[in-house]
Amino acid sequence: MVCSDMFGRAIVPINPTGTALVPFEERLSALSPSERKHFLESVACHKDMLEELAKM
């Protein structure tokens, strides 16, 4: 069974375990430069927050 999920404006097929069937780089390149920049900044921010939480 294959599902799909929205990734920006692109529909990305995912398998039942939740991992994408399309390589990460390909999904990232489907975004516009501004969407890509925002996404990467968001990931970095969330990573920092998770690291801070882990220290608590």
N, C-alpha and C. Protein backbone atom coordinates (compact mmCIF):
# COMPACT_ATOMS: atom_id res chain seq x y z
N MET A 1 0.84 -1.18 0.00
CA MET A 1 0.00 0.00 0.00
C MET A 1 0.89 1.24 0.00
N VAL A 2 0.59 2.18 -0.87
CA VAL A 2 1.35 3.42 -0.95
C VAL A 2 0.40 4.57 -0.75
N CYS A 3 0.79 5.49 0.12
CA CYS A 3 0.00 6.68 0.39
C CYS A 3 0.75 7.87 -0.20
N SER A 4 0.17 9.04 -0.06
CA SER A 4 0.89 10.23 -0.48
C SER A 4 0.71 11.29 0.59
N ASP A 5 1.60 12.23 0.58
CA ASP A 5 1.56 13.33 1.53
C ASP A 5 1.92 14.58 0.77
N MET A 6 1.43 15.72 1.22
CA MET A 6 1.76 16.97 0.57
C MET A 6 3.09 17.46 1.12
N PHE A 7 3.97 17.86 0.24
CA PHE A 7 5.26 18.42 0.60
C PHE A 7 5.38 19.70 -0.18
N GLY A 8 5.06 20.81 0.50
CA GLY A 8 4.98 22.07 -0.23
C GLY A 8 3.80 21.96 -1.17
N ARG A 9 4.03 22.15 -2.45
CA ARG A 9 2.96 22.00 -3.44
C ARG A 9 3.06 20.65 -4.15
N ALA A 10 4.11 19.90 -3.88
CA ALA A 10 4.31 18.61 -4.54
C ALA A 10 3.72 17.49 -3.69
N ILE A 11 3.09 16.53 -4.33
CA ILE A 11 2.60 15.35 -3.64
C ILE A 11 3.71 14.33 -3.62
N VAL A 12 4.05 13.86 -2.43
CA VAL A 12 5.16 12.93 -2.27
C VAL A 12 4.62 11.58 -1.83
N PRO A 13 4.87 10.52 -2.61
CA PRO A 13 4.41 9.19 -2.19
C PRO A 13 5.22 8.72 -0.99
N ILE A 14 4.52 8.12 -0.03
CA ILE A 14 5.19 7.55 1.14
C ILE A 14 4.73 6.11 1.30
N ASN A 15 5.58 5.30 1.89
CA ASN A 15 5.17 3.92 2.14
C ASN A 15 4.55 3.85 3.53
N PRO A 16 3.94 2.75 3.91
CA PRO A 16 3.23 2.66 5.19
C PRO A 16 4.10 2.91 6.42
N THR A 17 5.40 2.76 6.32
CA THR A 17 6.25 3.02 7.48
C THR A 17 6.51 4.51 7.66
N GLY A 18 6.05 5.33 6.72
CA GLY A 18 6.19 6.77 6.83
C GLY A 18 7.41 7.33 6.14
N THR A 19 8.24 6.50 5.55
CA THR A 19 9.40 7.02 4.84
C THR A 19 9.02 7.29 3.39
N ALA A 20 9.57 8.34 2.85
CA ALA A 20 9.24 8.72 1.48
C ALA A 20 9.90 7.78 0.48
N LEU A 21 9.21 7.56 -0.63
CA LEU A 21 9.75 6.73 -1.69
C LEU A 21 10.63 7.54 -2.63
N VAL A 22 10.54 8.87 -2.52
CA VAL A 22 11.33 9.77 -3.35
C VAL A 22 12.50 10.26 -2.50
N PRO A 23 13.71 10.27 -3.03
CA PRO A 23 14.87 10.73 -2.25
C PRO A 23 14.67 12.15 -1.72
N PHE A 24 15.22 12.41 -0.55
CA PHE A 24 15.06 13.70 0.11
C PHE A 24 15.52 14.84 -0.78
N GLU A 25 16.66 14.68 -1.45
CA GLU A 25 17.19 15.74 -2.30
C GLU A 25 16.23 16.09 -3.42
N GLU A 26 15.57 15.07 -3.96
CA GLU A 26 14.61 15.30 -5.05
C GLU A 26 13.39 16.06 -4.53
N ARG A 27 12.91 15.70 -3.35
CA ARG A 27 11.77 16.41 -2.78
C ARG A 27 12.14 17.85 -2.46
N LEU A 28 13.34 18.05 -1.95
CA LEU A 28 13.80 19.39 -1.60
C LEU A 28 13.96 20.24 -2.86
N SER A 29 14.44 19.66 -3.93
CA SER A 29 14.64 20.42 -5.16
C SER A 29 13.31 20.78 -5.82
N ALA A 30 12.21 20.12 -5.43
CA ALA A 30 10.90 20.45 -5.99
C ALA A 30 10.37 21.76 -5.43
N LEU A 31 10.97 22.24 -4.35
CA LEU A 31 10.53 23.49 -3.74
C LEU A 31 11.18 24.68 -4.43
N SER A 32 10.51 25.82 -4.35
CA SER A 32 11.11 27.05 -4.87
C SER A 32 12.28 27.42 -3.95
N PRO A 33 13.19 28.26 -4.41
CA PRO A 33 14.33 28.65 -3.55
C PRO A 33 13.89 29.25 -2.21
N SER A 34 12.85 30.06 -2.20
CA SER A 34 12.40 30.66 -0.94
C SER A 34 11.76 29.61 -0.03
N GLU A 35 10.98 28.68 -0.60
CA GLU A 35 10.39 27.60 0.20
C GLU A 35 11.48 26.70 0.76
N ARG A 36 12.49 26.40 -0.05
CA ARG A 36 13.61 25.56 0.39
C ARG A 36 14.36 26.22 1.54
N LYS A 37 14.63 27.53 1.41
CA LYS A 37 15.33 28.26 2.46
C LYS A 37 14.51 28.23 3.76
N HIS A 38 13.21 28.51 3.65
CA HIS A 38 12.34 28.50 4.83
C HIS A 38 12.31 27.12 5.47
N PHE A 39 12.20 26.06 4.66
CA PHE A 39 12.16 24.71 5.17
C PHE A 39 13.43 24.36 5.93
N LEU A 40 14.58 24.67 5.32
CA LEU A 40 15.86 24.35 5.96
C LEU A 40 16.07 25.15 7.24
N GLU A 41 15.63 26.42 7.26
CA GLU A 41 15.72 27.22 8.48
C GLU A 41 14.82 26.64 9.56
N SER A 42 13.64 26.19 9.17
CA SER A 42 12.70 25.59 10.11
C SER A 42 13.26 24.30 10.71
N VAL A 43 13.87 23.47 9.87
CA VAL A 43 14.48 22.22 10.35
C VAL A 43 15.58 22.53 11.35
N ALA A 44 16.42 23.52 11.03
CA ALA A 44 17.52 23.89 11.93
C ALA A 44 16.98 24.39 13.27
N CYS A 45 15.92 25.19 13.22
CA CYS A 45 15.32 25.72 14.45
C CYS A 45 14.75 24.59 15.30
N HIS A 46 14.02 23.67 14.66
CA HIS A 46 13.44 22.55 15.40
C HIS A 46 14.53 21.65 15.98
N LYS A 47 15.61 21.47 15.24
CA LYS A 47 16.73 20.67 15.74
C LYS A 47 17.30 21.30 17.00
N ASP A 48 17.49 22.62 16.96
CA ASP A 48 18.01 23.34 18.13
C ASP A 48 17.08 23.19 19.32
N MET A 49 15.77 23.32 19.07
CA MET A 49 14.80 23.19 20.17
C MET A 49 14.83 21.78 20.76
N LEU A 50 14.92 20.76 19.91
CA LEU A 50 14.97 19.39 20.40
C LEU A 50 16.24 19.13 21.22
N GLU A 51 17.35 19.70 20.78
CA GLU A 51 18.59 19.55 21.53
C GLU A 51 18.48 20.22 22.90
N GLU A 52 17.85 21.38 22.96
CA GLU A 52 17.65 22.06 24.24
C GLU A 52 16.75 21.23 25.16
N LEU A 53 15.69 20.67 24.60
CA LEU A 53 14.78 19.83 25.39
C LEU A 53 15.50 18.60 25.92
N ALA A 54 16.37 18.04 25.12
CA ALA A 54 17.10 16.83 25.52
C ALA A 54 18.02 17.10 26.71
N LYS A 55 18.49 18.35 26.82
CA LYS A 55 19.38 18.72 27.91
C LYS A 55 18.63 18.87 29.24
N MET A 56 17.33 19.06 29.19
CA MET A 56 16.53 19.28 30.41
C MET A 56 16.37 18.01 31.22
